[in-house]
C-alpha atoms as a PDB file:
ATOM      1  CA  MET A   1     -12.935  12.350  38.536  1.00  0.00           C
ATOM      2  CA  LYS A   2     -10.875   9.205  38.014  1.00  0.00           C
ATOM      3  CA  LYS A   3     -12.860   8.346  34.890  1.00  0.00           C
ATOM      4  CA  THR A   4     -12.307  11.797  33.408  1.00  0.00           C
ATOM      5  CA  LEU A   5      -8.606  11.764  34.217  1.00  0.00           C
ATOM      6  CA  SER A   6      -8.034   8.379  32.605  1.00  0.00           C
ATOM      7  CA  THR A   7      -9.977   9.485  29.521  1.00  0.00           C
ATOM      8  CA  LEU A   8      -7.812  12.620  29.233  1.00  0.00           C
ATOM      9  CA  ILE A   9      -4.644  10.555  29.613  1.00  0.00           C
ATOM     10  CA  LEU A  10      -5.861   8.196  26.896  1.00  0.00           C
ATOM     11  CA  ALA A  11      -6.623  11.151  24.620  1.00  0.00           C
ATOM     12  CA  GLY A  12      -3.066  12.405  25.170  1.00  0.00           C
ATOM     13  CA  ILE A  13      -1.664   8.975  24.327  1.00  0.00           C
ATOM     14  CA  VAL A  14      -3.763   8.873  21.150  1.00  0.00           C
ATOM     15  CA  VAL A  15      -2.478  12.299  20.101  1.00  0.00           C
ATOM     16  CA  LEU A  16       1.144  11.304  20.781  1.00  0.00           C
ATOM     17  CA  ILE A  17       0.888   8.051  18.826  1.00  0.00           C
ATOM     18  CA  THR A  18      -0.842   9.816  15.936  1.00  0.00           C
ATOM     19  CA  GLY A  19       1.849  12.511  15.928  1.00  0.00           C
ATOM     20  CA  THR A  20       4.555   9.857  15.882  1.00  0.00           C
ATOM     21  CA  PHE A  21       2.826   8.190  12.928  1.00  0.00           C
ATOM     22  CA  CYS A  22       2.700  11.514  11.064  1.00  0.00           C
ATOM     23  CA  PHE A  23       6.363  12.250  11.691  1.00  0.00           C
ATOM     24  CA  ALA A  24       7.508   8.772  10.663  1.00  0.00           C
ATOM     25  CA  GLU A  25       5.463   8.740   7.475  1.00  0.00           C
ATOM     26  CA  TYR A  26       6.567  12.256   6.552  1.00  0.00           C
ATOM     27  CA  ALA A  27      10.206  11.279   7.071  1.00  0.00           C
ATOM     28  CA  ALA A  28       9.793   8.089   5.044  1.00  0.00           C
ATOM     29  CA  ALA A  29       7.592   9.282   2.181  1.00  0.00           C
ATOM     30  CA  GLY A  30       7.723  13.069   2.109  1.00  0.00           C
ATOM     31  CA  VAL A  31       4.883  15.416   1.277  1.00  0.00           C
ATOM     32  CA  GLU A  32       4.085  14.016  -2.164  1.00  0.00           C
ATOM     33  CA  ASN A  33       3.386  10.466  -0.916  1.00  0.00           C
ATOM     34  CA  PHE A  34       1.953  11.185   2.525  1.00  0.00           C
ATOM     35  CA  PRO A  35      -0.843   8.696   3.395  1.00  0.00           C
ATOM     36  CA  TYR A  36      -3.670  11.093   4.271  1.00  0.00           C
ATOM     37  CA  PHE A  37      -6.303   8.348   4.121  1.00  0.00           C
ATOM     38  CA  HIS A  38      -4.387   6.260   6.659  1.00  0.00           C
ATOM     39  CA  LEU A  39      -4.017   9.298   8.891  1.00  0.00           C
ATOM     40  CA  GLY A  40      -7.773   9.840   8.735  1.00  0.00           C
ATOM     41  CA  CYS A  41      -8.393   6.202   9.640  1.00  0.00           C
ATOM     42  CA  LEU A  42      -6.022   6.541  12.575  1.00  0.00           C
ATOM     43  CA  ILE A  43      -7.771   9.682  13.833  1.00  0.00           C
ATOM     44  CA  VAL A  44     -11.230   8.106  13.553  1.00  0.00           C
ATOM     45  CA  GLY A  45     -10.025   4.935  15.290  1.00  0.00           C
ATOM     46  CA  GLY A  46      -8.552   6.987  18.117  1.00  0.00           C
ATOM     47  CA  MET A  47     -11.772   8.907  18.549  1.00  0.00           C
ATOM     48  CA  ILE A  48     -13.731   5.653  18.719  1.00  0.00           C
ATOM     49  CA  ILE A  49     -11.429   4.145  21.345  1.00  0.00           C
ATOM     50  CA  VAL A  50     -11.521   7.312  23.466  1.00  0.00           C
ATOM     51  CA  SER A  51     -15.323   7.431  23.264  1.00  0.00           C
ATOM     52  CA  LEU A  52     -15.558   3.756  24.248  1.00  0.00           C
ATOM     53  CA  LYS A  53     -13.269   4.436  27.209  1.00  0.00           C
ATOM     54  CA  GLN A  54     -15.470   7.328  28.265  1.00  0.00           C
ATOM     55  CA  LYS A  55     -18.692   5.330  27.905  1.00  0.00           C
ATOM     56  CA  TYR A  56     -17.583   2.072  29.553  1.00  0.00           C
ATOM     57  CA  GLU A  57     -15.707   2.562  32.813  1.00  0.00           C
ATOM     58  CA  LYS A  58     -14.598  -1.078  33.064  1.00  0.00           C
ATOM     59  CA  ILE A  59     -12.117  -0.617  30.211  1.00  0.00           C
ATOM     60  CA  TYR A  60      -8.689  -0.129  31.743  1.00  0.00           C
ATOM     61  CA  LEU A  61      -6.381   2.632  30.535  1.00  0.00           C
ATOM     62  CA  GLY A  62      -3.659   0.158  29.588  1.00  0.00           C
ATOM     63  CA  GLU A  63      -6.047  -1.931  27.537  1.00  0.00           C
ATOM     64  CA  ALA A  64      -7.309   1.064  25.589  1.00  0.00           C
ATOM     65  CA  ALA A  65      -3.814   2.468  25.017  1.00  0.00           C
ATOM     66  CA  GLY A  66      -2.486  -0.927  23.965  1.00  0.00           C
ATOM     67  CA  SER A  67      -5.323  -1.532  21.553  1.00  0.00           C
ATOM     68  CA  PHE A  68      -4.766   1.856  19.923  1.00  0.00           C
ATOM     69  CA  ALA A  69      -1.022   1.223  19.673  1.00  0.00           C
ATOM     70  CA  MET A  70      -1.643  -2.112  17.958  1.00  0.00           C
ATOM     71  CA  TYR A  71      -4.167  -0.439  15.654  1.00  0.00           C
ATOM     72  CA  ALA A  72      -1.599   2.234  14.752  1.00  0.00           C
ATOM     73  CA  ILE A  73       0.970  -0.456  13.921  1.00  0.00           C
ATOM     74  CA  LEU A  74      -1.577  -2.245  11.754  1.00  0.00           C
ATOM     75  CA  VAL A  75      -2.445   0.962   9.884  1.00  0.00           C
ATOM     76  CA  ALA A  76       1.250   1.769   9.409  1.00  0.00           C
ATOM     77  CA  LEU A  77       1.929  -1.669   7.925  1.00  0.00           C
ATOM     78  CA  PHE A  78      -0.434  -0.951   5.033  1.00  0.00           C
ATOM     79  CA  THR A  79       1.126   2.344   3.940  1.00  0.00           C
ATOM     80  CA  ALA A  80       3.173   2.498   0.755  1.00  0.00           C
ATOM     81  CA  PRO A  81       6.594   3.316   2.300  1.00  0.00           C
ATOM     82  CA  VAL A  82       6.385   0.402   4.731  1.00  0.00           C
ATOM     83  CA  ALA A  83       5.187  -1.989   2.018  1.00  0.00           C
ATOM     84  CA  GLU A  84       8.070  -0.934  -0.271  1.00  0.00           C
ATOM     85  CA  GLY A  85      10.539  -1.296   2.584  1.00  0.00           C
ATOM     86  CA  LEU A  86       9.310  -4.800   3.311  1.00  0.00           C
ATOM     87  CA  LYS A  87       9.541  -5.701  -0.395  1.00  0.00           C
ATOM     88  CA  ASN A  88      13.139  -4.465  -0.489  1.00  0.00           C
ATOM     89  CA  LEU A  89      13.960  -6.304   2.692  1.00  0.00           C
ATOM     90  CA  LEU A  90      12.549  -9.633   1.532  1.00  0.00           C
ATOM     91  CA  GLY A  91      13.930  -9.669  -1.941  1.00  0.00           C
END
């Protein structure tokens, strides 16, 4: 029961982080420049982390959630609006 509960909590965290990514990218880029490929990569990565959490019970919930959060930040860094914002910020 504990394993199933922690997997469901992780799935909820993955959905919330993915939703936050979608909202932020939509607000920054709009519909015409929305990074659908990056969203797909984020969804597939979340599914992989949730399936690993379900398969291996020694993975802690915090580790899995933290690794997905860092993965989401890494994916967001390589989108066009963030890259343009960093270019404008640096020079």
